[in-house]
Amino acid sequence: MKAIRGATTIDENTEKNIKLRTIELMENIMELNDLKKEDIISIIFSVTEDITAFNPATAFRERFGGDIPLFCVQEAKFQGSLKYCIRVLIHCNKENINHCYLHNAQNLRLDLVLKGNS
């Protein structure tokens, strides 16, 4: 079992923007890792306290179906933390993995950002 990490940011706290950026992140991760639903064991989403309009786990379930265990938590607040950030940790049955950081979340882990991943 491996764990794939990823993150993105939203522009505004709206259901539409949360859905858009969550699906964009998950589709990128799935493509980068040739990840199929049957490879996924579980997914944990986290959001910063300023994201309240919609649950990213619900956005995932609406787009990809409800047979994968999902969980969403609010991150602890730290001084200087990135705002409007959605993070994901995907437990999966894959050997080779690629992490994915999009939009302003690229600043979180410059060492893990893949070329062309913006």
N, C-alpha and C. Protein backbone atom coordinates (compact mmCIF):
# COMPACT_ATOMS: atom_id res chain seq x y z
N MET A 1 0.85 -1.18 0.00
CA MET A 1 0.00 0.00 0.00
C MET A 1 0.89 1.24 0.00
N LYS A 2 0.50 2.22 -0.78
CA LYS A 2 1.19 3.51 -0.85
C LYS A 2 0.19 4.61 -0.56
N ALA A 3 0.71 5.82 -0.31
CA ALA A 3 -0.15 6.99 -0.08
C ALA A 3 0.27 8.11 -1.03
N ILE A 4 -0.68 8.61 -1.77
CA ILE A 4 -0.45 9.72 -2.69
C ILE A 4 -0.96 10.99 -2.03
N ARG A 5 -0.13 12.02 -2.06
CA ARG A 5 -0.51 13.30 -1.49
C ARG A 5 -0.82 14.29 -2.60
N GLY A 6 -1.70 15.22 -2.28
CA GLY A 6 -2.00 16.28 -3.23
C GLY A 6 -2.68 17.43 -2.54
N ALA A 7 -2.69 18.56 -3.21
CA ALA A 7 -3.36 19.74 -2.66
C ALA A 7 -3.66 20.72 -3.78
N THR A 8 -4.65 21.55 -3.52
CA THR A 8 -5.01 22.62 -4.43
C THR A 8 -5.56 23.77 -3.60
N THR A 9 -5.80 24.87 -4.25
CA THR A 9 -6.45 25.99 -3.58
C THR A 9 -7.66 26.42 -4.41
N ILE A 10 -8.59 27.05 -3.72
CA ILE A 10 -9.76 27.61 -4.40
C ILE A 10 -9.60 29.12 -4.45
N ASP A 11 -10.35 29.75 -5.35
CA ASP A 11 -10.32 31.21 -5.48
C ASP A 11 -11.35 31.87 -4.58
N GLU A 12 -12.45 31.15 -4.34
CA GLU A 12 -13.51 31.69 -3.50
C GLU A 12 -14.25 30.54 -2.84
N ASN A 13 -14.82 30.81 -1.69
CA ASN A 13 -15.52 29.80 -0.90
C ASN A 13 -16.94 29.61 -1.43
N THR A 14 -17.02 28.93 -2.59
CA THR A 14 -18.32 28.63 -3.18
C THR A 14 -18.39 27.14 -3.50
N GLU A 15 -19.59 26.60 -3.51
CA GLU A 15 -19.76 25.20 -3.87
C GLU A 15 -19.16 24.92 -5.24
N LYS A 16 -19.42 25.79 -6.19
CA LYS A 16 -18.94 25.60 -7.56
C LYS A 16 -17.42 25.53 -7.61
N ASN A 17 -16.73 26.45 -6.94
CA ASN A 17 -15.27 26.48 -6.98
C ASN A 17 -14.66 25.30 -6.24
N ILE A 18 -15.26 24.90 -5.13
CA ILE A 18 -14.77 23.74 -4.37
C ILE A 18 -14.91 22.48 -5.21
N LYS A 19 -16.06 22.30 -5.84
CA LYS A 19 -16.25 21.13 -6.71
C LYS A 19 -15.26 21.13 -7.86
N LEU A 20 -15.12 22.27 -8.53
CA LEU A 20 -14.23 22.39 -9.69
C LEU A 20 -12.79 22.02 -9.33
N ARG A 21 -12.28 22.60 -8.27
CA ARG A 21 -10.87 22.38 -7.90
C ARG A 21 -10.64 20.99 -7.30
N THR A 22 -11.63 20.45 -6.59
CA THR A 22 -11.49 19.09 -6.06
C THR A 22 -11.43 18.08 -7.19
N ILE A 23 -12.34 18.20 -8.14
CA ILE A 23 -12.36 17.26 -9.27
C ILE A 23 -11.11 17.42 -10.13
N GLU A 24 -10.70 18.67 -10.36
CA GLU A 24 -9.46 18.90 -11.12
C GLU A 24 -8.28 18.20 -10.45
N LEU A 25 -8.14 18.36 -9.14
CA LEU A 25 -7.05 17.72 -8.40
C LEU A 25 -7.12 16.20 -8.51
N MET A 26 -8.30 15.65 -8.27
CA MET A 26 -8.43 14.20 -8.28
C MET A 26 -8.22 13.62 -9.67
N GLU A 27 -8.72 14.28 -10.70
CA GLU A 27 -8.50 13.79 -12.06
C GLU A 27 -7.01 13.84 -12.42
N ASN A 28 -6.31 14.89 -11.99
CA ASN A 28 -4.87 14.98 -12.23
C ASN A 28 -4.13 13.85 -11.53
N ILE A 29 -4.46 13.62 -10.27
CA ILE A 29 -3.81 12.55 -9.51
C ILE A 29 -4.07 11.20 -10.16
N MET A 30 -5.30 10.96 -10.56
CA MET A 30 -5.65 9.67 -11.16
C MET A 30 -4.92 9.47 -12.49
N GLU A 31 -4.82 10.53 -13.28
CA GLU A 31 -4.11 10.43 -14.56
C GLU A 31 -2.60 10.25 -14.35
N LEU A 32 -2.00 11.05 -13.48
CA LEU A 32 -0.56 10.97 -13.22
C LEU A 32 -0.13 9.59 -12.71
N ASN A 33 -1.03 8.91 -12.02
CA ASN A 33 -0.72 7.64 -11.38
C ASN A 33 -1.38 6.44 -12.05
N ASP A 34 -2.04 6.68 -13.19
CA ASP A 34 -2.81 5.62 -13.84
C ASP A 34 -3.65 4.89 -12.79
N LEU A 35 -4.30 5.69 -11.96
CA LEU A 35 -5.04 5.20 -10.80
C LEU A 35 -6.50 4.95 -11.18
N LYS A 36 -6.95 3.75 -10.91
CA LYS A 36 -8.35 3.38 -11.14
C LYS A 36 -9.06 3.33 -9.79
N LYS A 37 -10.38 3.45 -9.83
CA LYS A 37 -11.15 3.40 -8.58
C LYS A 37 -10.85 2.14 -7.78
N GLU A 38 -10.68 1.02 -8.46
CA GLU A 38 -10.44 -0.24 -7.75
C GLU A 38 -9.06 -0.29 -7.08
N ASP A 39 -8.14 0.63 -7.45
CA ASP A 39 -6.83 0.71 -6.81
C ASP A 39 -6.89 1.46 -5.48
N ILE A 40 -7.95 2.24 -5.28
CA ILE A 40 -8.03 3.13 -4.12
C ILE A 40 -8.62 2.40 -2.92
N ILE A 41 -7.92 2.50 -1.79
CA ILE A 41 -8.38 1.89 -0.54
C ILE A 41 -9.25 2.88 0.23
N SER A 42 -8.76 4.10 0.40
CA SER A 42 -9.52 5.15 1.10
C SER A 42 -8.91 6.50 0.76
N ILE A 43 -9.70 7.55 1.02
CA ILE A 43 -9.25 8.92 0.75
C ILE A 43 -9.59 9.80 1.95
N ILE A 44 -8.60 10.57 2.38
CA ILE A 44 -8.80 11.57 3.43
C ILE A 44 -8.60 12.95 2.81
N PHE A 45 -9.59 13.79 2.94
CA PHE A 45 -9.49 15.19 2.52
C PHE A 45 -9.35 16.04 3.77
N SER A 46 -8.62 17.15 3.65
CA SER A 46 -8.62 18.15 4.71
C SER A 46 -8.82 19.51 4.07
N VAL A 47 -9.42 20.41 4.83
CA VAL A 47 -9.67 21.77 4.34
C VAL A 47 -9.24 22.77 5.41
N THR A 48 -8.83 23.94 4.95
CA THR A 48 -8.54 25.01 5.89
C THR A 48 -9.86 25.57 6.40
N GLU A 49 -9.81 26.28 7.51
CA GLU A 49 -11.04 26.73 8.18
C GLU A 49 -11.88 27.68 7.34
N ASP A 50 -11.30 28.28 6.30
CA ASP A 50 -12.04 29.23 5.47
C ASP A 50 -12.84 28.55 4.37
N ILE A 51 -12.78 27.23 4.28
CA ILE A 51 -13.58 26.48 3.30
C ILE A 51 -14.77 25.87 4.03
N THR A 52 -15.95 26.44 3.78
CA THR A 52 -17.16 26.01 4.48
C THR A 52 -18.35 25.79 3.56
N ALA A 53 -18.25 26.17 2.30
CA ALA A 53 -19.42 26.15 1.42
C ALA A 53 -19.78 24.75 0.92
N PHE A 54 -18.80 23.83 0.90
CA PHE A 54 -19.08 22.49 0.38
C PHE A 54 -17.97 21.55 0.84
N ASN A 55 -18.30 20.27 0.94
CA ASN A 55 -17.35 19.25 1.38
C ASN A 55 -16.67 18.62 0.16
N PRO A 56 -15.34 18.67 0.06
CA PRO A 56 -14.64 18.06 -1.07
C PRO A 56 -14.90 16.56 -1.20
N ALA A 57 -15.10 15.86 -0.10
CA ALA A 57 -15.41 14.43 -0.17
C ALA A 57 -16.74 14.20 -0.88
N THR A 58 -17.69 15.08 -0.65
CA THR A 58 -18.97 14.99 -1.34
C THR A 58 -18.79 15.25 -2.83
N ALA A 59 -17.95 16.21 -3.17
CA ALA A 59 -17.67 16.49 -4.59
C ALA A 59 -17.08 15.26 -5.26
N PHE A 60 -16.15 14.60 -4.58
CA PHE A 60 -15.56 13.37 -5.12
C PHE A 60 -16.62 12.29 -5.30
N ARG A 61 -17.43 12.08 -4.28
CA ARG A 61 -18.45 11.04 -4.33
C ARG A 61 -19.45 11.29 -5.45
N GLU A 62 -19.86 12.55 -5.64
CA GLU A 62 -20.80 12.88 -6.71
C GLU A 62 -20.22 12.59 -8.09
N ARG A 63 -18.93 12.79 -8.26
CA ARG A 63 -18.29 12.61 -9.56
C ARG A 63 -17.88 11.16 -9.81
N PHE A 64 -17.38 10.47 -8.78
CA PHE A 64 -16.78 9.15 -8.98
C PHE A 64 -17.55 8.01 -8.34
N GLY A 65 -18.63 8.28 -7.64
CA GLY A 65 -19.41 7.23 -7.01
C GLY A 65 -19.06 7.07 -5.54
N GLY A 66 -19.85 6.24 -4.85
CA GLY A 66 -19.77 6.19 -3.40
C GLY A 66 -19.21 4.93 -2.80
N ASP A 67 -18.43 4.14 -3.55
CA ASP A 67 -17.97 2.87 -3.00
C ASP A 67 -16.57 2.93 -2.39
N ILE A 68 -15.95 4.11 -2.33
CA ILE A 68 -14.64 4.28 -1.70
C ILE A 68 -14.83 4.98 -0.35
N PRO A 69 -14.24 4.47 0.73
CA PRO A 69 -14.35 5.16 2.02
C PRO A 69 -13.69 6.55 1.95
N LEU A 70 -14.46 7.57 2.33
CA LEU A 70 -14.00 8.96 2.29
C LEU A 70 -14.13 9.58 3.67
N PHE A 71 -13.24 10.53 3.96
CA PHE A 71 -13.28 11.24 5.23
C PHE A 71 -12.76 12.64 4.98
N CYS A 72 -13.37 13.63 5.61
CA CYS A 72 -12.93 15.02 5.46
C CYS A 72 -12.82 15.66 6.84
N VAL A 73 -11.71 16.35 7.07
CA VAL A 73 -11.46 17.01 8.35
C VAL A 73 -11.02 18.45 8.11
N GLN A 74 -11.18 19.26 9.16
CA GLN A 74 -10.66 20.63 9.11
C GLN A 74 -9.25 20.62 9.68
N GLU A 75 -8.34 21.28 8.99
CA GLU A 75 -6.95 21.34 9.44
C GLU A 75 -6.81 22.23 10.66
N ALA A 76 -5.79 21.96 11.43
CA ALA A 76 -5.44 22.85 12.54
C ALA A 76 -4.98 24.18 11.94
N LYS A 77 -5.27 25.25 12.67
CA LYS A 77 -4.91 26.59 12.20
C LYS A 77 -3.52 26.94 12.72
N PHE A 78 -2.64 27.34 11.80
CA PHE A 78 -1.29 27.75 12.16
C PHE A 78 -1.00 29.11 11.55
N GLN A 79 -0.22 29.89 12.24
CA GLN A 79 0.17 31.20 11.73
C GLN A 79 0.90 31.02 10.40
N GLY A 80 0.49 31.78 9.40
CA GLY A 80 1.13 31.73 8.09
C GLY A 80 0.67 30.59 7.20
N SER A 81 -0.34 29.83 7.62
CA SER A 81 -0.83 28.72 6.81
C SER A 81 -1.46 29.23 5.52
N LEU A 82 -1.37 28.40 4.49
CA LEU A 82 -1.98 28.70 3.20
C LEU A 82 -3.50 28.76 3.36
N LYS A 83 -4.12 29.76 2.79
CA LYS A 83 -5.58 29.92 2.88
C LYS A 83 -6.26 29.20 1.72
N TYR A 84 -7.54 28.90 1.91
CA TYR A 84 -8.37 28.27 0.88
C TYR A 84 -7.73 27.01 0.30
N CYS A 85 -7.21 26.16 1.15
CA CYS A 85 -6.47 24.98 0.70
C CYS A 85 -7.24 23.68 0.97
N ILE A 86 -7.28 22.85 -0.04
CA ILE A 86 -7.83 21.49 0.04
C ILE A 86 -6.66 20.53 -0.13
N ARG A 87 -6.48 19.63 0.84
CA ARG A 87 -5.43 18.62 0.75
C ARG A 87 -6.08 17.24 0.67
N VAL A 88 -5.33 16.30 0.11
CA VAL A 88 -5.85 14.95 -0.01
C VAL A 88 -4.73 13.95 0.26
N LEU A 89 -5.09 12.84 0.88
CA LEU A 89 -4.19 11.71 1.11
C LEU A 89 -4.95 10.47 0.63
N ILE A 90 -4.41 9.85 -0.41
CA ILE A 90 -5.07 8.70 -1.03
C ILE A 90 -4.27 7.44 -0.73
N HIS A 91 -4.88 6.50 -0.03
CA HIS A 91 -4.26 5.20 0.22
C HIS A 91 -4.63 4.30 -0.94
N CYS A 92 -3.61 3.69 -1.57
CA CYS A 92 -3.90 2.92 -2.79
C CYS A 92 -2.95 1.74 -2.96
N ASN A 93 -3.34 0.87 -3.85
CA ASN A 93 -2.52 -0.29 -4.21
C ASN A 93 -1.78 0.03 -5.51
N LYS A 94 -0.72 0.80 -5.40
CA LYS A 94 0.15 1.14 -6.54
C LYS A 94 1.58 1.10 -6.03
N GLU A 95 2.50 0.77 -6.91
CA GLU A 95 3.91 0.76 -6.52
C GLU A 95 4.57 2.11 -6.76
N ASN A 96 4.41 2.65 -7.94
CA ASN A 96 5.03 3.92 -8.30
C ASN A 96 3.98 5.02 -8.22
N ILE A 97 4.28 6.06 -7.45
CA ILE A 97 3.29 7.12 -7.25
C ILE A 97 3.88 8.49 -7.56
N ASN A 98 2.99 9.40 -7.94
CA ASN A 98 3.34 10.79 -8.18
C ASN A 98 2.38 11.66 -7.38
N HIS A 99 2.92 12.59 -6.63
CA HIS A 99 2.09 13.52 -5.87
C HIS A 99 1.70 14.69 -6.78
N CYS A 100 0.69 15.44 -6.39
CA CYS A 100 0.17 16.49 -7.27
C CYS A 100 -0.23 17.71 -6.45
N TYR A 101 0.39 18.84 -6.75
CA TYR A 101 0.08 20.10 -6.07
C TYR A 101 -0.27 21.13 -7.14
N LEU A 102 -1.46 21.69 -7.04
CA LEU A 102 -1.96 22.62 -8.05
C LEU A 102 -2.19 24.01 -7.48
N HIS A 103 -2.20 24.98 -8.36
CA HIS A 103 -2.49 26.38 -8.03
C HIS A 103 -1.57 26.86 -6.91
N ASN A 104 -2.06 27.61 -5.95
CA ASN A 104 -1.20 28.15 -4.89
C ASN A 104 -0.64 27.07 -3.97
N ALA A 105 -1.21 25.88 -4.02
CA ALA A 105 -0.71 24.78 -3.19
C ALA A 105 0.65 24.28 -3.65
N GLN A 106 1.08 24.66 -4.84
CA GLN A 106 2.42 24.28 -5.30
C GLN A 106 3.48 24.78 -4.33
N ASN A 107 3.21 25.89 -3.67
CA ASN A 107 4.18 26.46 -2.73
C ASN A 107 4.37 25.60 -1.48
N LEU A 108 3.46 24.68 -1.22
CA LEU A 108 3.57 23.82 -0.04
C LEU A 108 4.75 22.85 -0.15
N ARG A 109 4.91 22.27 -1.32
CA ARG A 109 5.94 21.25 -1.52
C ARG A 109 6.58 21.41 -2.89
N LEU A 110 7.42 22.41 -3.03
CA LEU A 110 8.09 22.65 -4.30
C LEU A 110 8.92 21.44 -4.73
N ASP A 111 9.37 20.65 -3.76
CA ASP A 111 10.16 19.46 -4.07
C ASP A 111 9.32 18.35 -4.70
N LEU A 112 8.00 18.42 -4.57
CA LEU A 112 7.13 17.37 -5.12
C LEU A 112 6.34 17.82 -6.34
N VAL A 113 6.42 19.08 -6.70
CA VAL A 113 5.65 19.58 -7.84
C VAL A 113 6.28 19.05 -9.12
N LEU A 114 5.44 18.41 -9.94
CA LEU A 114 5.92 17.88 -11.21
C LEU A 114 5.90 18.97 -12.27
N LYS A 115 6.81 18.88 -13.22
CA LYS A 115 6.82 19.84 -14.33
C LYS A 115 5.50 19.77 -15.06
N GLY A 116 4.97 20.94 -15.41
CA GLY A 116 3.71 20.99 -16.12
C GLY A 116 2.50 20.87 -15.23
N ASN A 117 2.69 20.74 -13.95
CA ASN A 117 1.61 20.57 -12.99
C ASN A 117 1.25 21.93 -12.40
N SER A 118 0.51 22.73 -13.13
CA SER A 118 0.19 24.06 -12.61
C SER A 118 -1.28 24.38 -12.75
